[in-house]
């Protein structure tokens, strides 16, 4: 990934800047312009409560063709209460093995 390729995940909130790693929520609190961009690095998983975090994805460019294309997967988990979403070790084992 390079900055010209775009595609950063943007957190809108208090205070901006770019967070190359973890700690993005803390970076938002310290940001000056109200946003933090999280770079789309390979092997990165971003998980958050979408109803609690004002966010967007910046436009991306794949000038190099198919070798620069990125893919994203969106998963929605529905529950009446967030406490109802819990880790299930047995289900994890069935899905992903040991």
N, C-alpha and C. Protein backbone atom coordinates (compact mmCIF):
# COMPACT_ATOMS: atom_id res chain seq x y z
N UNK A 1 0.85 -1.18 0.00
CA UNK A 1 0.00 0.00 0.00
C UNK A 1 0.89 1.24 0.00
N UNK A 2 0.45 2.24 -0.74
CA UNK A 2 1.12 3.54 -0.70
C UNK A 2 0.04 4.61 -0.56
N UNK A 3 0.41 5.74 -0.04
CA UNK A 3 -0.56 6.81 0.25
C UNK A 3 -1.35 7.23 -0.99
N UNK A 4 -0.73 7.19 -2.19
CA UNK A 4 -1.43 7.58 -3.41
C UNK A 4 -2.58 6.64 -3.75
N UNK A 5 -2.57 5.43 -3.19
CA UNK A 5 -3.61 4.45 -3.47
C UNK A 5 -4.90 4.75 -2.70
N UNK A 6 -4.82 5.58 -1.67
CA UNK A 6 -6.01 5.94 -0.90
C UNK A 6 -6.60 4.75 -0.17
N UNK A 7 -7.91 4.84 0.08
CA UNK A 7 -8.62 3.73 0.71
C UNK A 7 -8.52 3.65 2.22
N UNK A 8 -8.07 4.70 2.87
CA UNK A 8 -7.98 4.66 4.33
C UNK A 8 -9.36 4.57 4.96
N UNK A 9 -9.43 3.90 6.10
CA UNK A 9 -10.63 3.88 6.92
C UNK A 9 -10.56 5.14 7.78
N UNK A 10 -11.58 5.96 7.73
CA UNK A 10 -11.55 7.25 8.43
C UNK A 10 -12.49 7.23 9.62
N UNK A 11 -11.94 7.56 10.78
CA UNK A 11 -12.74 7.71 12.00
C UNK A 11 -12.98 9.20 12.21
N UNK A 12 -14.24 9.57 12.33
CA UNK A 12 -14.60 10.96 12.57
C UNK A 12 -14.92 11.11 14.05
N UNK A 13 -14.40 12.14 14.64
CA UNK A 13 -14.67 12.33 16.07
C UNK A 13 -13.99 13.58 16.55
N UNK A 14 -13.50 13.50 17.74
CA UNK A 14 -12.79 14.63 18.31
C UNK A 14 -11.42 14.74 17.68
N UNK A 15 -11.00 15.91 17.52
CA UNK A 15 -9.70 16.19 17.11
C UNK A 15 -9.28 15.70 15.77
N UNK A 16 -7.12 14.55 13.92
CA UNK A 16 -6.82 13.97 12.64
C UNK A 16 -5.45 13.49 12.68
N UNK A 17 -5.13 12.99 11.71
CA UNK A 17 -3.84 12.42 11.53
C UNK A 17 -3.98 11.02 10.98
N UNK A 18 -2.88 10.33 10.94
CA UNK A 18 -2.88 8.96 10.41
C UNK A 18 -2.34 8.05 11.48
N UNK A 19 -3.02 6.93 11.67
CA UNK A 19 -2.58 5.95 12.64
C UNK A 19 -2.08 4.72 11.89
N UNK A 20 -0.77 4.50 11.83
CA UNK A 20 -0.25 3.37 11.08
C UNK A 20 -0.47 2.03 11.77
N UNK A 21 -0.91 2.04 13.00
CA UNK A 21 -1.10 0.78 13.71
C UNK A 21 -2.28 0.83 14.64
N UNK A 22 -2.15 0.14 15.74
CA UNK A 22 -3.23 0.09 16.71
C UNK A 22 -3.29 1.39 17.50
N UNK A 23 -4.30 1.53 18.31
CA UNK A 23 -4.43 2.73 19.12
C UNK A 23 -5.16 3.85 18.41
N UNK A 24 -5.94 3.52 17.40
CA UNK A 24 -6.62 4.55 16.61
C UNK A 24 -7.61 5.34 17.44
N UNK A 25 -8.30 4.68 18.36
CA UNK A 25 -9.28 5.39 19.17
C UNK A 25 -8.59 6.45 20.03
N UNK A 26 -7.45 6.12 20.59
CA UNK A 26 -6.69 7.10 21.36
C UNK A 26 -6.20 8.23 20.45
N UNK A 27 -5.83 7.88 19.22
CA UNK A 27 -5.36 8.90 18.27
C UNK A 27 -6.46 9.88 17.93
N UNK A 28 -7.72 9.41 17.84
CA UNK A 28 -8.83 10.31 17.55
C UNK A 28 -8.95 11.35 18.65
N UNK A 29 -8.81 10.92 19.88
CA UNK A 29 -8.93 11.85 21.01
C UNK A 29 -7.87 12.94 20.96
N UNK A 30 -6.70 12.64 20.37
CA UNK A 30 -5.61 13.61 20.31
C UNK A 30 -5.55 14.36 18.98
N UNK A 31 -6.38 13.97 18.02
CA UNK A 31 -6.33 14.54 16.68
C UNK A 31 -6.76 15.99 16.67
N UNK A 32 -6.17 16.77 15.76
CA UNK A 32 -6.45 18.19 15.68
C UNK A 32 -7.63 18.54 14.78
N UNK A 33 -7.81 17.80 13.66
CA UNK A 33 -8.84 18.18 12.70
C UNK A 33 -10.09 17.30 12.75
N UNK A 34 -10.20 16.46 13.76
CA UNK A 34 -11.42 15.69 13.95
C UNK A 34 -11.48 14.34 13.28
N UNK A 35 -10.42 13.93 12.59
CA UNK A 35 -10.43 12.62 11.94
C UNK A 35 -9.09 11.91 12.12
N UNK A 36 -9.15 10.58 12.04
CA UNK A 36 -7.95 9.75 12.01
C UNK A 36 -8.13 8.78 10.86
N UNK A 37 -7.12 8.67 9.99
CA UNK A 37 -7.14 7.72 8.89
C UNK A 37 -6.31 6.50 9.27
N UNK A 38 -6.90 5.32 9.10
CA UNK A 38 -6.20 4.07 9.35
C UNK A 38 -5.82 3.48 8.00
N UNK A 39 -4.54 3.28 7.79
CA UNK A 39 -4.03 2.79 6.51
C UNK A 39 -4.49 1.36 6.25
N UNK A 40 -4.86 1.04 5.00
CA UNK A 40 -5.30 -0.31 4.65
C UNK A 40 -4.12 -1.25 4.39
N UNK A 41 -3.53 -1.72 5.45
CA UNK A 41 -2.36 -2.61 5.33
C UNK A 41 -2.81 -4.07 5.25
N UNK A 42 -2.11 -4.87 4.48
CA UNK A 42 -2.41 -6.29 4.36
C UNK A 42 -2.32 -7.00 5.70
N UNK A 43 -3.21 -7.94 5.92
CA UNK A 43 -3.21 -8.71 7.16
C UNK A 43 -3.86 -8.01 8.33
N UNK A 44 -4.48 -6.88 8.10
CA UNK A 44 -5.09 -6.10 9.18
C UNK A 44 -6.58 -6.42 9.27
N UNK A 45 -7.07 -6.57 10.49
CA UNK A 45 -8.50 -6.77 10.73
C UNK A 45 -8.99 -5.60 11.56
N UNK A 46 -10.04 -4.97 11.08
CA UNK A 46 -10.62 -3.83 11.78
C UNK A 46 -12.03 -4.22 12.20
N UNK A 47 -12.29 -4.16 13.49
CA UNK A 47 -13.59 -4.55 14.03
C UNK A 47 -14.07 -3.44 14.95
N UNK A 48 -15.34 -3.07 14.80
CA UNK A 48 -15.86 -1.97 15.60
C UNK A 48 -17.38 -2.02 15.60
N UNK A 49 -18.01 -1.33 16.54
CA UNK A 49 -19.46 -1.19 16.58
C UNK A 49 -19.83 -0.03 15.66
N UNK A 50 -20.39 -0.34 14.50
CA UNK A 50 -20.65 0.69 13.49
C UNK A 50 -21.70 1.70 13.92
N UNK A 51 -22.57 1.32 14.85
CA UNK A 51 -23.57 2.27 15.32
C UNK A 51 -23.02 3.21 16.38
N UNK A 52 -21.78 2.95 16.82
CA UNK A 52 -21.17 3.78 17.86
C UNK A 52 -19.97 4.57 17.37
N UNK A 53 -19.57 4.35 16.13
CA UNK A 53 -18.37 4.98 15.61
C UNK A 53 -18.69 5.64 14.27
N UNK A 54 -18.60 6.95 14.22
CA UNK A 54 -18.83 7.66 12.97
C UNK A 54 -17.60 7.42 12.10
N UNK A 55 -17.82 6.83 10.90
CA UNK A 55 -16.70 6.40 10.07
C UNK A 55 -17.04 6.50 8.59
N UNK A 56 -16.01 6.41 7.78
CA UNK A 56 -16.17 6.35 6.33
C UNK A 56 -14.93 5.67 5.76
N UNK A 57 -14.99 5.31 4.48
CA UNK A 57 -13.84 4.76 3.78
C UNK A 57 -13.49 5.72 2.65
N UNK A 58 -12.26 6.17 2.63
CA UNK A 58 -11.82 7.12 1.61
C UNK A 58 -11.70 6.42 0.26
N UNK A 59 -11.86 7.19 -0.80
CA UNK A 59 -11.77 6.66 -2.16
C UNK A 59 -10.40 6.01 -2.37
N UNK A 60 -10.40 4.90 -3.11
CA UNK A 60 -9.14 4.21 -3.39
C UNK A 60 -8.89 4.15 -4.89
N UNK A 61 -7.62 3.98 -5.25
CA UNK A 61 -7.19 3.97 -6.64
C UNK A 61 -6.26 2.79 -6.86
N UNK A 62 -6.46 2.06 -7.94
CA UNK A 62 -5.60 0.92 -8.29
C UNK A 62 -4.97 1.20 -9.65
N UNK A 63 -4.10 2.19 -9.68
CA UNK A 63 -3.48 2.60 -10.95
C UNK A 63 -2.66 1.48 -11.58
N UNK A 64 -2.18 0.56 -10.76
CA UNK A 64 -1.36 -0.55 -11.26
C UNK A 64 -2.16 -1.72 -11.76
N UNK A 65 -3.48 -1.59 -11.79
CA UNK A 65 -4.32 -2.68 -12.30
C UNK A 65 -4.68 -3.70 -11.23
N UNK A 66 -4.98 -4.91 -11.68
CA UNK A 66 -5.51 -5.96 -10.81
C UNK A 66 -4.59 -6.31 -9.65
N UNK A 67 -3.30 -6.15 -9.82
CA UNK A 67 -2.37 -6.51 -8.74
C UNK A 67 -2.48 -5.58 -7.55
N UNK A 68 -3.10 -4.42 -7.73
CA UNK A 68 -3.26 -3.46 -6.64
C UNK A 68 -4.68 -3.43 -6.08
N UNK A 69 -5.56 -4.24 -6.62
CA UNK A 69 -6.95 -4.24 -6.11
C UNK A 69 -6.99 -4.72 -4.67
N UNK A 70 -7.89 -4.14 -3.91
CA UNK A 70 -8.11 -4.54 -2.52
C UNK A 70 -9.51 -5.10 -2.40
N UNK A 71 -9.71 -5.91 -1.39
CA UNK A 71 -11.02 -6.48 -1.13
C UNK A 71 -11.38 -6.22 0.32
N UNK A 72 -12.66 -6.06 0.56
CA UNK A 72 -13.14 -5.85 1.93
C UNK A 72 -14.33 -6.77 2.17
N UNK A 73 -14.48 -7.19 3.39
CA UNK A 73 -15.59 -8.03 3.79
C UNK A 73 -16.33 -7.31 4.91
N UNK A 74 -17.61 -7.17 4.76
CA UNK A 74 -18.43 -6.54 5.78
C UNK A 74 -19.34 -7.59 6.39
N UNK A 75 -19.39 -7.65 7.70
CA UNK A 75 -20.24 -8.60 8.41
C UNK A 75 -21.10 -7.82 9.38
N UNK A 76 -22.39 -8.10 9.37
CA UNK A 76 -23.32 -7.48 10.31
C UNK A 76 -23.74 -8.51 11.33
N UNK A 77 -23.64 -8.16 12.60
CA UNK A 77 -24.09 -9.03 13.68
C UNK A 77 -25.25 -8.34 14.36
N UNK A 78 -26.40 -9.01 14.37
CA UNK A 78 -27.59 -8.42 14.96
C UNK A 78 -27.89 -9.06 16.32
N UNK A 79 -28.14 -8.24 17.30
CA UNK A 79 -28.51 -8.72 18.62
C UNK A 79 -29.28 -7.60 19.32
N UNK A 80 -30.20 -7.99 20.17
CA UNK A 80 -30.97 -7.00 20.92
C UNK A 80 -30.07 -6.23 21.87
N UNK A 81 -29.08 -6.92 22.43
CA UNK A 81 -28.14 -6.29 23.37
C UNK A 81 -26.73 -6.73 23.01
N UNK A 82 -25.78 -5.83 23.07
CA UNK A 82 -24.40 -6.19 22.73
C UNK A 82 -23.87 -7.28 23.66
N UNK A 83 -24.40 -7.37 24.87
CA UNK A 83 -23.97 -8.40 25.82
C UNK A 83 -24.33 -9.80 25.33
N UNK A 84 -25.30 -9.89 24.41
CA UNK A 84 -25.71 -11.19 23.89
C UNK A 84 -24.70 -11.75 22.89
N UNK A 85 -23.78 -10.93 22.43
CA UNK A 85 -22.75 -11.38 21.50
C UNK A 85 -21.55 -11.78 22.35
N UNK A 86 -21.31 -13.07 22.43
CA UNK A 86 -20.25 -13.57 23.31
C UNK A 86 -19.38 -14.57 22.57
N UNK A 87 -18.16 -14.72 23.02
CA UNK A 87 -17.25 -15.71 22.46
C UNK A 87 -17.75 -17.10 22.80
N UNK A 88 -17.77 -17.98 21.81
CA UNK A 88 -18.19 -19.37 22.00
C UNK A 88 -17.03 -20.26 21.55
N UNK A 89 -16.29 -20.77 22.52
CA UNK A 89 -15.10 -21.57 22.23
C UNK A 89 -15.41 -22.81 21.41
N UNK A 90 -16.53 -23.47 21.70
CA UNK A 90 -16.90 -24.67 20.94
C UNK A 90 -17.21 -24.34 19.49
N UNK A 91 -17.94 -23.26 19.25
CA UNK A 91 -18.23 -22.84 17.88
C UNK A 91 -16.95 -22.44 17.16
N UNK A 92 -16.06 -21.78 17.85
CA UNK A 92 -14.77 -21.38 17.27
C UNK A 92 -13.99 -22.62 16.83
N UNK A 93 -13.98 -23.63 17.67
CA UNK A 93 -13.29 -24.89 17.36
C UNK A 93 -13.91 -25.58 16.15
N UNK A 94 -15.25 -25.62 16.10
CA UNK A 94 -15.95 -26.25 14.96
C UNK A 94 -15.64 -25.52 13.66
N UNK A 95 -15.59 -24.20 13.72
CA UNK A 95 -15.36 -23.39 12.52
C UNK A 95 -13.93 -23.46 12.03
N UNK A 96 -13.00 -23.27 12.94
CA UNK A 96 -11.61 -23.07 12.54
C UNK A 96 -10.67 -24.19 12.92
N UNK A 97 -11.15 -25.18 13.65
CA UNK A 97 -10.31 -26.30 14.04
C UNK A 97 -9.34 -25.92 15.15
N UNK A 98 -8.47 -26.84 15.47
CA UNK A 98 -7.55 -26.65 16.59
C UNK A 98 -6.30 -26.09 16.13
